[in-house]
Amino acid sequence: MPNPNRGSCGFQSTEFEQEYERPSKSQLKREMTALQKLGQELIDQPRDRVKRVPMPDDVRDAILECQLIKDHEGRRRQLQYVGKKMRSLEPEEVATIQRTIDSWRGASKAETATMHSFEKKRDKLLADDKALTELLEQYPELDAQHLRTLIRNARKEQAENKPPKAYREIFQILKQLHADSRKAANAADDDEEYEGEDESDDY
């Protein structure tokens, strides 16, 4: 005779499966820590940059508010609140924020590499007179006499351990040259696109 109590012990196999599929406590903790860290990265960014990140207004407001708090305990509590708001985001929203931060890192690396290239060019100008000739050939609009004076003064500053006034000015000139070149290149690209549009209008 079949046992009427068989299989009626208060649970079914599907309940085990649901329990098994839930994230473990350690996994949940890792996810919470990652979101808290993401919130901290946003807090550490300039306010204007944070305002441009695609995210819900309440999350952005919590981050901007945390940036203003100077009191250690108050900031700690607000940081916890930011973490809570970050956990309320959908996975797609978190992914968008992460991509934005990753793009900042890429831009920062490129910017750092560009700054290093200016420093190398400046050092080459001080070490080798031929470097100035090459620079003037590339940028004939430069004031050659002014640059020669700056290079001479920068060498003197280094020799006499004086404040690097001319040394810094050379860097700024190289930086401005780079910025002007990029503007000119962008303007040329815009002109090409405009001409392409005009040609397409003829058909």
N, C-alpha and C. Protein backbone atom coordinates (compact mmCIF):
# COMPACT_ATOMS: atom_id res chain seq x y z
N MET A 1 0.86 -1.20 0.00
CA MET A 1 0.00 0.00 0.00
C MET A 1 0.89 1.24 0.00
N PRO A 2 0.60 2.19 -0.90
CA PRO A 2 1.45 3.39 -0.99
C PRO A 2 1.39 4.19 0.30
N ASN A 3 2.50 4.71 0.67
CA ASN A 3 2.58 5.55 1.87
C ASN A 3 2.01 6.93 1.56
N PRO A 4 0.92 7.33 2.27
CA PRO A 4 0.30 8.64 1.95
C PRO A 4 1.20 9.82 2.31
N ASN A 5 2.20 9.60 3.16
CA ASN A 5 3.09 10.71 3.55
C ASN A 5 4.28 10.89 2.61
N ARG A 6 4.46 9.96 1.64
CA ARG A 6 5.61 10.04 0.76
C ARG A 6 5.55 11.33 -0.07
N GLY A 7 6.64 12.07 -0.08
CA GLY A 7 6.71 13.29 -0.89
C GLY A 7 6.05 14.48 -0.26
N SER A 8 5.53 14.33 0.97
CA SER A 8 4.82 15.46 1.58
C SER A 8 5.58 15.95 2.81
N CYS A 9 6.87 16.06 2.68
CA CYS A 9 7.67 16.47 3.84
C CYS A 9 7.89 17.97 3.91
N GLY A 10 7.10 18.77 3.17
CA GLY A 10 7.13 20.23 3.35
C GLY A 10 7.96 20.98 2.33
N PHE A 11 8.61 20.33 1.38
CA PHE A 11 9.36 21.06 0.35
C PHE A 11 9.37 20.24 -0.93
N GLN A 12 9.67 20.90 -2.02
CA GLN A 12 9.76 20.23 -3.31
C GLN A 12 11.15 20.47 -3.88
N SER A 13 11.53 19.66 -4.85
CA SER A 13 12.88 19.75 -5.41
C SER A 13 13.12 21.11 -6.07
N THR A 14 12.06 21.74 -6.60
CA THR A 14 12.23 23.04 -7.26
C THR A 14 12.68 24.12 -6.27
N GLU A 15 12.31 23.97 -5.00
CA GLU A 15 12.73 24.95 -3.99
C GLU A 15 14.24 24.88 -3.80
N PHE A 16 14.78 23.66 -3.86
CA PHE A 16 16.24 23.51 -3.75
C PHE A 16 16.92 24.20 -4.92
N GLU A 17 16.35 24.03 -6.13
CA GLU A 17 16.94 24.64 -7.33
C GLU A 17 16.94 26.15 -7.22
N GLN A 18 15.84 26.73 -6.73
CA GLN A 18 15.78 28.18 -6.59
C GLN A 18 16.81 28.67 -5.58
N GLU A 19 16.94 27.92 -4.49
CA GLU A 19 17.90 28.30 -3.45
C GLU A 19 19.32 28.23 -4.01
N TYR A 20 19.57 27.19 -4.80
CA TYR A 20 20.91 26.98 -5.34
C TYR A 20 21.29 28.07 -6.33
N GLU A 21 20.32 28.59 -7.09
CA GLU A 21 20.59 29.59 -8.12
C GLU A 21 20.80 30.99 -7.55
N ARG A 22 20.45 31.20 -6.31
CA ARG A 22 20.65 32.53 -5.72
C ARG A 22 22.14 32.83 -5.57
N PRO A 23 22.55 34.11 -5.74
CA PRO A 23 23.97 34.44 -5.55
C PRO A 23 24.40 34.16 -4.12
N SER A 24 25.62 33.70 -3.95
CA SER A 24 26.13 33.43 -2.61
C SER A 24 26.36 34.75 -1.87
N LYS A 25 26.49 34.65 -0.55
CA LYS A 25 26.72 35.85 0.25
C LYS A 25 28.03 36.53 -0.15
N SER A 26 29.05 35.73 -0.43
CA SER A 26 30.34 36.31 -0.82
C SER A 26 30.25 37.02 -2.17
N GLN A 27 29.45 36.46 -3.08
CA GLN A 27 29.26 37.10 -4.39
C GLN A 27 28.52 38.42 -4.24
N LEU A 28 27.47 38.41 -3.42
CA LEU A 28 26.71 39.64 -3.17
C LEU A 28 27.60 40.71 -2.55
N LYS A 29 28.48 40.28 -1.63
CA LYS A 29 29.38 41.22 -0.98
C LYS A 29 30.35 41.83 -1.98
N ARG A 30 30.86 40.99 -2.92
CA ARG A 30 31.77 41.49 -3.95
C ARG A 30 31.08 42.51 -4.84
N GLU A 31 29.82 42.21 -5.20
CA GLU A 31 29.06 43.13 -6.04
C GLU A 31 28.80 44.45 -5.32
N MET A 32 28.47 44.38 -4.04
CA MET A 32 28.24 45.58 -3.24
C MET A 32 29.51 46.42 -3.15
N THR A 33 30.64 45.74 -2.91
CA THR A 33 31.93 46.43 -2.82
C THR A 33 32.28 47.11 -4.13
N ALA A 34 32.02 46.41 -5.26
CA ALA A 34 32.32 46.97 -6.58
C ALA A 34 31.48 48.22 -6.86
N LEU A 35 30.20 48.17 -6.46
CA LEU A 35 29.31 49.32 -6.67
C LEU A 35 29.72 50.49 -5.77
N GLN A 36 30.13 50.17 -4.53
CA GLN A 36 30.60 51.20 -3.61
C GLN A 36 31.85 51.88 -4.19
N LYS A 37 32.74 51.07 -4.74
CA LYS A 37 33.97 51.59 -5.34
C LYS A 37 33.66 52.46 -6.55
N LEU A 38 32.67 52.03 -7.35
CA LEU A 38 32.26 52.80 -8.52
C LEU A 38 31.71 54.16 -8.09
N GLY A 39 30.92 54.14 -7.00
CA GLY A 39 30.39 55.40 -6.46
C GLY A 39 31.51 56.31 -5.98
N GLN A 40 32.53 55.72 -5.34
CA GLN A 40 33.67 56.50 -4.85
C GLN A 40 34.45 57.13 -6.02
N GLU A 41 34.59 56.38 -7.11
CA GLU A 41 35.28 56.92 -8.28
C GLU A 41 34.55 58.13 -8.83
N LEU A 42 33.23 58.08 -8.83
CA LEU A 42 32.44 59.20 -9.31
C LEU A 42 32.57 60.40 -8.38
N ILE A 43 32.59 60.14 -7.08
CA ILE A 43 32.74 61.21 -6.09
C ILE A 43 34.08 61.93 -6.26
N ASP A 44 35.10 61.18 -6.65
CA ASP A 44 36.45 61.74 -6.79
C ASP A 44 36.62 62.56 -8.07
N GLN A 45 35.62 62.54 -8.96
CA GLN A 45 35.71 63.26 -10.23
C GLN A 45 35.23 64.71 -10.08
N PRO A 46 35.64 65.59 -11.00
CA PRO A 46 35.12 66.97 -11.00
C PRO A 46 33.60 66.97 -11.15
N ARG A 47 32.95 67.95 -10.54
CA ARG A 47 31.48 68.01 -10.55
C ARG A 47 30.92 68.11 -11.97
N ASP A 48 31.56 68.90 -12.82
CA ASP A 48 31.07 69.06 -14.20
C ASP A 48 31.08 67.74 -14.94
N ARG A 49 32.09 66.93 -14.66
CA ARG A 49 32.20 65.62 -15.31
C ARG A 49 31.10 64.68 -14.81
N VAL A 50 30.84 64.70 -13.51
CA VAL A 50 29.80 63.84 -12.93
C VAL A 50 28.43 64.20 -13.52
N LYS A 51 28.20 65.49 -13.72
CA LYS A 51 26.90 65.94 -14.24
C LYS A 51 26.63 65.42 -15.64
N ARG A 52 27.68 65.04 -16.37
CA ARG A 52 27.51 64.56 -17.75
C ARG A 52 27.36 63.04 -17.84
N VAL A 53 27.51 62.36 -16.71
CA VAL A 53 27.41 60.89 -16.73
C VAL A 53 25.94 60.47 -16.83
N PRO A 54 25.60 59.57 -17.75
CA PRO A 54 24.21 59.09 -17.84
C PRO A 54 23.85 58.26 -16.61
N MET A 55 22.98 58.79 -15.77
CA MET A 55 22.52 58.07 -14.58
C MET A 55 21.26 58.75 -14.05
N PRO A 56 20.47 58.05 -13.23
CA PRO A 56 19.28 58.66 -12.65
C PRO A 56 19.63 59.89 -11.80
N ASP A 57 18.73 60.85 -11.79
CA ASP A 57 18.98 62.12 -11.09
C ASP A 57 19.23 61.92 -9.59
N ASP A 58 18.50 60.97 -8.97
CA ASP A 58 18.67 60.80 -7.53
C ASP A 58 20.06 60.26 -7.17
N VAL A 59 20.61 59.42 -8.04
CA VAL A 59 21.96 58.90 -7.82
C VAL A 59 22.98 60.01 -7.99
N ARG A 60 22.81 60.80 -9.06
CA ARG A 60 23.73 61.91 -9.31
C ARG A 60 23.68 62.93 -8.17
N ASP A 61 22.48 63.22 -7.68
CA ASP A 61 22.33 64.19 -6.58
C ASP A 61 23.06 63.71 -5.32
N ALA A 62 22.97 62.40 -5.05
CA ALA A 62 23.63 61.83 -3.87
C ALA A 62 25.15 61.97 -3.98
N ILE A 63 25.68 61.78 -5.19
CA ILE A 63 27.12 61.89 -5.43
C ILE A 63 27.57 63.34 -5.29
N LEU A 64 26.83 64.25 -5.90
CA LEU A 64 27.19 65.67 -5.84
C LEU A 64 27.11 66.19 -4.40
N GLU A 65 26.14 65.70 -3.66
CA GLU A 65 26.00 66.10 -2.26
C GLU A 65 27.20 65.61 -1.45
N CYS A 66 27.65 64.39 -1.71
CA CYS A 66 28.79 63.82 -0.98
C CYS A 66 30.05 64.64 -1.24
N GLN A 67 30.19 65.15 -2.46
CA GLN A 67 31.37 65.95 -2.80
C GLN A 67 31.46 67.22 -1.95
N LEU A 68 30.32 67.73 -1.51
CA LEU A 68 30.29 68.99 -0.76
C LEU A 68 30.54 68.81 0.74
N ILE A 69 30.39 67.58 1.23
CA ILE A 69 30.50 67.34 2.68
C ILE A 69 31.97 67.22 3.08
N LYS A 70 32.39 68.06 4.02
CA LYS A 70 33.78 68.06 4.50
C LYS A 70 33.92 67.26 5.81
N ASP A 71 32.88 67.25 6.63
CA ASP A 71 32.92 66.52 7.90
C ASP A 71 33.13 65.03 7.65
N HIS A 72 34.10 64.44 8.35
CA HIS A 72 34.47 63.04 8.09
C HIS A 72 33.30 62.08 8.31
N GLU A 73 32.62 62.21 9.43
CA GLU A 73 31.52 61.30 9.74
C GLU A 73 30.36 61.52 8.80
N GLY A 74 30.05 62.78 8.51
CA GLY A 74 28.96 63.08 7.59
C GLY A 74 29.24 62.55 6.19
N ARG A 75 30.50 62.68 5.78
CA ARG A 75 30.89 62.18 4.45
C ARG A 75 30.81 60.65 4.41
N ARG A 76 31.19 60.00 5.52
CA ARG A 76 31.14 58.53 5.57
C ARG A 76 29.70 58.04 5.42
N ARG A 77 28.78 58.71 6.13
CA ARG A 77 27.36 58.33 6.04
C ARG A 77 26.83 58.56 4.62
N GLN A 78 27.21 59.69 4.03
CA GLN A 78 26.74 60.00 2.67
C GLN A 78 27.32 59.01 1.66
N LEU A 79 28.55 58.58 1.90
CA LEU A 79 29.17 57.59 1.02
C LEU A 79 28.41 56.27 1.08
N GLN A 80 27.97 55.90 2.27
CA GLN A 80 27.16 54.68 2.42
C GLN A 80 25.84 54.84 1.66
N TYR A 81 25.28 56.05 1.73
CA TYR A 81 24.02 56.33 1.02
C TYR A 81 24.24 56.24 -0.49
N VAL A 82 25.38 56.75 -0.96
CA VAL A 82 25.71 56.65 -2.38
C VAL A 82 25.79 55.19 -2.79
N GLY A 83 26.43 54.36 -1.93
CA GLY A 83 26.52 52.93 -2.21
C GLY A 83 25.14 52.30 -2.32
N LYS A 84 24.23 52.71 -1.44
CA LYS A 84 22.86 52.19 -1.46
C LYS A 84 22.17 52.58 -2.77
N LYS A 85 22.35 53.84 -3.19
CA LYS A 85 21.74 54.31 -4.44
C LYS A 85 22.33 53.58 -5.64
N MET A 86 23.65 53.31 -5.59
CA MET A 86 24.30 52.59 -6.69
C MET A 86 23.72 51.18 -6.82
N ARG A 87 23.38 50.57 -5.68
CA ARG A 87 22.81 49.21 -5.71
C ARG A 87 21.39 49.19 -6.26
N SER A 88 20.77 50.35 -6.33
CA SER A 88 19.41 50.42 -6.87
C SER A 88 19.41 50.48 -8.40
N LEU A 89 20.61 50.63 -9.00
CA LEU A 89 20.70 50.77 -10.45
C LEU A 89 20.50 49.43 -11.15
N GLU A 90 19.99 49.51 -12.37
CA GLU A 90 19.87 48.33 -13.21
C GLU A 90 21.26 47.98 -13.77
N PRO A 91 21.50 46.71 -14.10
CA PRO A 91 22.81 46.31 -14.65
C PRO A 91 23.23 47.14 -15.87
N GLU A 92 22.26 47.49 -16.72
CA GLU A 92 22.58 48.29 -17.91
C GLU A 92 23.06 49.68 -17.52
N GLU A 93 22.46 50.24 -16.47
CA GLU A 93 22.87 51.57 -16.01
C GLU A 93 24.28 51.54 -15.42
N VAL A 94 24.56 50.48 -14.66
CA VAL A 94 25.90 50.32 -14.09
C VAL A 94 26.93 50.18 -15.20
N ALA A 95 26.59 49.39 -16.23
CA ALA A 95 27.52 49.17 -17.35
C ALA A 95 27.81 50.47 -18.09
N THR A 96 26.78 51.31 -18.25
CA THR A 96 26.96 52.60 -18.92
C THR A 96 27.90 53.50 -18.13
N ILE A 97 27.72 53.53 -16.81
CA ILE A 97 28.59 54.33 -15.94
C ILE A 97 30.02 53.82 -16.02
N GLN A 98 30.18 52.50 -15.99
CA GLN A 98 31.52 51.91 -16.05
C GLN A 98 32.22 52.24 -17.36
N ARG A 99 31.48 52.19 -18.46
CA ARG A 99 32.06 52.53 -19.77
C ARG A 99 32.51 53.98 -19.80
N THR A 100 31.71 54.85 -19.18
CA THR A 100 32.06 56.27 -19.13
C THR A 100 33.36 56.48 -18.36
N ILE A 101 33.48 55.84 -17.21
CA ILE A 101 34.70 55.95 -16.40
C ILE A 101 35.90 55.38 -17.15
N ASP A 102 35.70 54.26 -17.84
CA ASP A 102 36.78 53.65 -18.62
C ASP A 102 37.25 54.60 -19.73
N SER A 103 36.30 55.32 -20.33
CA SER A 103 36.67 56.27 -21.39
C SER A 103 37.50 57.43 -20.81
N TRP A 104 37.17 57.84 -19.57
CA TRP A 104 37.98 58.89 -18.91
C TRP A 104 39.40 58.40 -18.71
N ARG A 105 39.54 57.16 -18.29
CA ARG A 105 40.88 56.61 -18.05
C ARG A 105 41.69 56.59 -19.33
N GLY A 106 41.03 56.20 -20.42
CA GLY A 106 41.73 56.17 -21.71
C GLY A 106 42.17 57.56 -22.12
N ALA A 107 41.28 58.54 -21.92
CA ALA A 107 41.61 59.93 -22.27
C ALA A 107 42.76 60.43 -21.40
N SER A 108 42.74 60.07 -20.13
CA SER A 108 43.78 60.51 -19.21
C SER A 108 45.13 59.94 -19.60
N LYS A 109 45.15 58.67 -20.01
CA LYS A 109 46.40 58.04 -20.43
C LYS A 109 46.95 58.73 -21.67
N ALA A 110 46.07 59.02 -22.63
CA ALA A 110 46.50 59.70 -23.86
C ALA A 110 47.03 61.10 -23.55
N GLU A 111 46.33 61.78 -22.62
CA GLU A 111 46.74 63.12 -22.23
C GLU A 111 48.11 63.10 -21.56
N THR A 112 48.31 62.12 -20.68
CA THR A 112 49.60 61.98 -19.99
C THR A 112 50.72 61.72 -20.99
N ALA A 113 50.46 60.85 -21.97
CA ALA A 113 51.46 60.54 -22.98
C ALA A 113 51.82 61.79 -23.79
N THR A 114 50.80 62.61 -24.09
CA THR A 114 51.05 63.85 -24.83
C THR A 114 51.90 64.81 -24.02
N MET A 115 51.60 64.94 -22.72
CA MET A 115 52.39 65.81 -21.84
C MET A 115 53.86 65.35 -21.79
N HIS A 116 54.06 64.05 -21.74
CA HIS A 116 55.43 63.50 -21.72
C HIS A 116 56.17 63.83 -23.02
N SER A 117 55.43 63.81 -24.13
CA SER A 117 56.06 64.12 -25.42
C SER A 117 56.52 65.58 -25.45
N PHE A 118 55.73 66.49 -24.82
CA PHE A 118 56.14 67.89 -24.74
C PHE A 118 57.42 68.04 -23.92
N GLU A 119 57.46 67.29 -22.82
CA GLU A 119 58.65 67.35 -21.95
C GLU A 119 59.89 66.87 -22.69
N LYS A 120 59.75 65.81 -23.48
CA LYS A 120 60.88 65.28 -24.24
C LYS A 120 61.35 66.29 -25.28
N LYS A 121 60.38 66.93 -25.96
CA LYS A 121 60.73 67.93 -26.97
C LYS A 121 61.46 69.11 -26.32
N ARG A 122 60.98 69.52 -25.16
CA ARG A 122 61.62 70.64 -24.45
C ARG A 122 63.05 70.28 -24.07
N ASP A 123 63.24 69.09 -23.53
CA ASP A 123 64.59 68.66 -23.13
C ASP A 123 65.51 68.57 -24.34
N LYS A 124 64.94 68.16 -25.48
CA LYS A 124 65.74 68.06 -26.70
C LYS A 124 66.15 69.46 -27.18
N LEU A 125 65.24 70.42 -27.04
CA LEU A 125 65.55 71.80 -27.43
C LEU A 125 66.70 72.36 -26.61
N LEU A 126 66.73 71.99 -25.33
CA LEU A 126 67.80 72.49 -24.46
C LEU A 126 69.13 71.77 -24.72
N ALA A 127 69.03 70.53 -25.16
CA ALA A 127 70.24 69.72 -25.32
C ALA A 127 70.87 69.84 -26.70
N ASP A 128 70.04 70.15 -27.72
CA ASP A 128 70.54 70.10 -29.09
C ASP A 128 69.99 71.28 -29.90
N ASP A 129 70.88 72.12 -30.42
CA ASP A 129 70.45 73.29 -31.21
C ASP A 129 69.73 72.88 -32.50
N LYS A 130 70.04 71.69 -32.99
CA LYS A 130 69.38 71.23 -34.22
C LYS A 130 67.88 71.04 -34.01
N ALA A 131 67.49 70.74 -32.76
CA ALA A 131 66.08 70.53 -32.46
C ALA A 131 65.26 71.79 -32.71
N LEU A 132 65.85 72.96 -32.42
CA LEU A 132 65.15 74.22 -32.67
C LEU A 132 64.98 74.45 -34.17
N THR A 133 66.03 74.13 -34.93
CA THR A 133 65.95 74.28 -36.39
C THR A 133 64.83 73.43 -36.96
N GLU A 134 64.73 72.19 -36.48
CA GLU A 134 63.68 71.27 -36.94
C GLU A 134 62.29 71.79 -36.56
N LEU A 135 62.18 72.34 -35.34
CA LEU A 135 60.90 72.86 -34.88
C LEU A 135 60.46 74.07 -35.71
N LEU A 136 61.42 74.93 -36.03
CA LEU A 136 61.10 76.12 -36.84
C LEU A 136 60.73 75.75 -38.27
N GLU A 137 61.31 74.67 -38.78
CA GLU A 137 60.94 74.20 -40.12
C GLU A 137 59.51 73.66 -40.12
N GLN A 138 59.15 73.03 -39.01
CA GLN A 138 57.80 72.47 -38.90
C GLN A 138 56.76 73.55 -38.62
N TYR A 139 57.16 74.56 -37.83
CA TYR A 139 56.25 75.66 -37.47
C TYR A 139 56.92 77.00 -37.78
N PRO A 140 56.94 77.40 -39.05
CA PRO A 140 57.63 78.65 -39.44
C PRO A 140 57.02 79.91 -38.83
N GLU A 141 55.81 79.80 -38.33
CA GLU A 141 55.15 80.98 -37.72
C GLU A 141 55.70 81.31 -36.34
N LEU A 142 56.51 80.44 -35.77
CA LEU A 142 57.07 80.68 -34.43
C LEU A 142 58.05 81.84 -34.44
N ASP A 143 58.13 82.52 -33.30
CA ASP A 143 59.09 83.60 -33.10
C ASP A 143 60.44 82.98 -32.73
N ALA A 144 61.33 82.87 -33.72
CA ALA A 144 62.60 82.18 -33.52
C ALA A 144 63.46 82.87 -32.48
N GLN A 145 63.49 84.19 -32.54
CA GLN A 145 64.34 84.93 -31.60
C GLN A 145 63.87 84.74 -30.15
N HIS A 146 62.56 84.77 -29.96
CA HIS A 146 61.99 84.58 -28.62
C HIS A 146 62.31 83.19 -28.08
N LEU A 147 62.19 82.20 -28.94
CA LEU A 147 62.49 80.83 -28.53
C LEU A 147 63.96 80.66 -28.16
N ARG A 148 64.83 81.25 -28.97
CA ARG A 148 66.27 81.16 -28.66
C ARG A 148 66.58 81.77 -27.30
N THR A 149 65.92 82.90 -27.03
CA THR A 149 66.13 83.57 -25.73
C THR A 149 65.64 82.69 -24.59
N LEU A 150 64.46 82.07 -24.78
CA LEU A 150 63.90 81.19 -23.75
C LEU A 150 64.81 79.99 -23.49
N ILE A 151 65.32 79.42 -24.57
CA ILE A 151 66.20 78.24 -24.43
C ILE A 151 67.48 78.63 -23.68
N ARG A 152 68.04 79.79 -24.04
CA ARG A 152 69.25 80.26 -23.36
C ARG A 152 68.98 80.50 -21.87
N ASN A 153 67.83 81.12 -21.58
CA ASN A 153 67.47 81.40 -20.18
C ASN A 153 67.20 80.12 -19.40
N ALA A 154 66.56 79.15 -20.06
CA ALA A 154 66.26 77.87 -19.40
C ALA A 154 67.54 77.13 -19.05
N ARG A 155 68.50 77.16 -19.96
CA ARG A 155 69.78 76.52 -19.67
C ARG A 155 70.47 77.20 -18.48
N LYS A 156 70.36 78.52 -18.44
CA LYS A 156 70.96 79.27 -17.34
C LYS A 156 70.26 78.95 -16.02
N GLU A 157 68.94 78.82 -16.08
CA GLU A 157 68.17 78.46 -14.87
C GLU A 157 68.64 77.12 -14.31
N GLN A 158 68.83 76.16 -15.19
CA GLN A 158 69.27 74.83 -14.76
C GLN A 158 70.69 74.88 -14.18
N ALA A 159 71.55 75.63 -14.85
CA ALA A 159 72.94 75.71 -14.42
C ALA A 159 73.08 76.39 -13.06
N GLU A 160 72.24 77.40 -12.83
CA GLU A 160 72.35 78.18 -11.60
C GLU A 160 71.28 77.81 -10.57
N ASN A 161 70.54 76.74 -10.87
CA ASN A 161 69.50 76.24 -9.95
C ASN A 161 68.47 77.32 -9.60
N LYS A 162 68.03 78.04 -10.62
CA LYS A 162 67.05 79.11 -10.43
C LYS A 162 65.63 78.58 -10.73
N PRO A 163 64.59 79.33 -10.33
CA PRO A 163 63.22 78.91 -10.65
C PRO A 163 63.05 78.74 -12.15
N PRO A 164 62.38 77.67 -12.59
CA PRO A 164 62.30 77.32 -14.02
C PRO A 164 61.25 78.13 -14.79
N LYS A 165 61.37 79.43 -14.81
CA LYS A 165 60.39 80.28 -15.49
C LYS A 165 60.41 80.07 -17.00
N ALA A 166 61.59 80.22 -17.61
CA ALA A 166 61.71 80.03 -19.07
C ALA A 166 61.44 78.58 -19.45
N TYR A 167 61.89 77.68 -18.61
CA TYR A 167 61.70 76.23 -18.82
C TYR A 167 60.21 75.91 -18.96
N ARG A 168 59.41 76.50 -18.08
CA ARG A 168 57.95 76.27 -18.12
C ARG A 168 57.32 76.96 -19.32
N GLU A 169 57.84 78.12 -19.69
CA GLU A 169 57.26 78.85 -20.81
C GLU A 169 57.46 78.08 -22.12
N ILE A 170 58.60 77.41 -22.25
CA ILE A 170 58.84 76.59 -23.44
C ILE A 170 57.80 75.48 -23.52
N PHE A 171 57.51 74.87 -22.38
CA PHE A 171 56.49 73.81 -22.33
C PHE A 171 55.14 74.34 -22.79
N GLN A 172 54.77 75.53 -22.33
CA GLN A 172 53.47 76.11 -22.69
C GLN A 172 53.40 76.41 -24.19
N ILE A 173 54.52 76.84 -24.76
CA ILE A 173 54.56 77.10 -26.20
C ILE A 173 54.33 75.81 -26.98
N LEU A 174 55.00 74.74 -26.56
CA LEU A 174 54.82 73.44 -27.23
C LEU A 174 53.39 72.92 -27.07
N LYS A 175 52.83 73.14 -25.92
CA LYS A 175 51.45 72.73 -25.65
C LYS A 175 50.48 73.50 -26.55
N GLN A 176 50.71 74.80 -26.70
CA GLN A 176 49.85 75.64 -27.54
C GLN A 176 49.96 75.25 -29.01
N LEU A 177 51.18 74.92 -29.43
CA LEU A 177 51.39 74.46 -30.81
C LEU A 177 50.55 73.22 -31.10
N HIS A 178 50.56 72.30 -30.15
CA HIS A 178 49.78 71.06 -30.30
C HIS A 178 48.29 71.37 -30.39
N ALA A 179 47.82 72.26 -29.52
CA ALA A 179 46.39 72.62 -29.51
C ALA A 179 45.99 73.29 -30.82
N ASP A 180 46.85 74.19 -31.32
CA ASP A 180 46.56 74.88 -32.59
C ASP A 180 46.53 73.90 -33.75
N SER A 181 47.45 72.92 -33.72
CA SER A 181 47.50 71.93 -34.80
C SER A 181 46.23 71.08 -34.82
N ARG A 182 45.74 70.72 -33.62
CA ARG A 182 44.51 69.92 -33.53
C ARG A 182 43.31 70.72 -34.03
N LYS A 183 43.26 72.00 -33.68
CA LYS A 183 42.16 72.85 -34.16
C LYS A 183 42.17 72.95 -35.67
N ALA A 184 43.36 73.13 -36.23
CA ALA A 184 43.47 73.24 -37.68
C ALA A 184 43.05 71.94 -38.36
N ALA A 185 43.46 70.80 -37.78
CA ALA A 185 43.09 69.50 -38.34
C ALA A 185 41.58 69.27 -38.28
N ASN A 186 40.96 69.65 -37.16
CA ASN A 186 39.51 69.50 -37.01
C ASN A 186 38.77 70.39 -37.99
N ALA A 187 39.29 71.61 -38.18
CA ALA A 187 38.66 72.54 -39.12
C ALA A 187 38.74 72.00 -40.54
N ALA A 188 39.88 71.39 -40.88
CA ALA A 188 40.05 70.80 -42.22
C ALA A 188 39.07 69.65 -42.43
N ASP A 189 38.89 68.82 -41.39
CA ASP A 189 37.94 67.71 -41.48
C ASP A 189 36.52 68.23 -41.69
N ASP A 190 36.17 69.29 -40.97
CA ASP A 190 34.83 69.88 -41.10
C ASP A 190 34.61 70.42 -42.51
N ASP A 191 35.64 71.03 -43.08
CA ASP A 191 35.54 71.57 -44.44
C ASP A 191 35.31 70.46 -45.45
N GLU A 192 36.02 69.33 -45.26
CA GLU A 192 35.87 68.19 -46.17
C GLU A 192 34.45 67.63 -46.10
N GLU A 193 33.91 67.54 -44.88
CA GLU A 193 32.54 67.03 -44.73
C GLU A 193 31.55 67.97 -45.39
N TYR A 194 31.78 69.28 -45.23
CA TYR A 194 30.87 70.27 -45.81
C TYR A 194 30.90 70.20 -47.33
N GLU A 195 32.12 70.04 -47.91
CA GLU A 195 32.24 69.93 -49.36
C GLU A 195 31.55 68.67 -49.85
N GLY A 196 31.66 67.58 -49.07
CA GLY A 196 31.01 66.34 -49.44
C GLY A 196 29.50 66.49 -49.47
N GLU A 197 28.95 67.24 -48.52
CA GLU A 197 27.51 67.49 -48.49
C GLU A 197 27.07 68.30 -49.69
N ASP A 198 27.89 69.31 -50.08
CA ASP A 198 27.55 70.13 -51.24
C ASP A 198 27.52 69.30 -52.51
N GLU A 199 28.50 68.38 -52.63
CA GLU A 199 28.55 67.54 -53.84
C GLU A 199 27.34 66.63 -53.91
N SER A 200 26.91 66.08 -52.76
CA SER A 200 25.76 65.18 -52.75
C SER A 200 24.48 65.90 -53.10
N ASP A 201 24.45 67.21 -52.80
CA ASP A 201 23.24 67.99 -53.11
C ASP A 201 23.05 68.19 -54.60
N ASP A 202 24.13 67.99 -55.38
CA ASP A 202 24.04 68.24 -56.82
C ASP A 202 23.32 67.10 -57.53
N TYR A 203 23.17 65.97 -56.85
CA TYR A 203 22.58 64.80 -57.51
C TYR A 203 21.14 64.62 -57.10
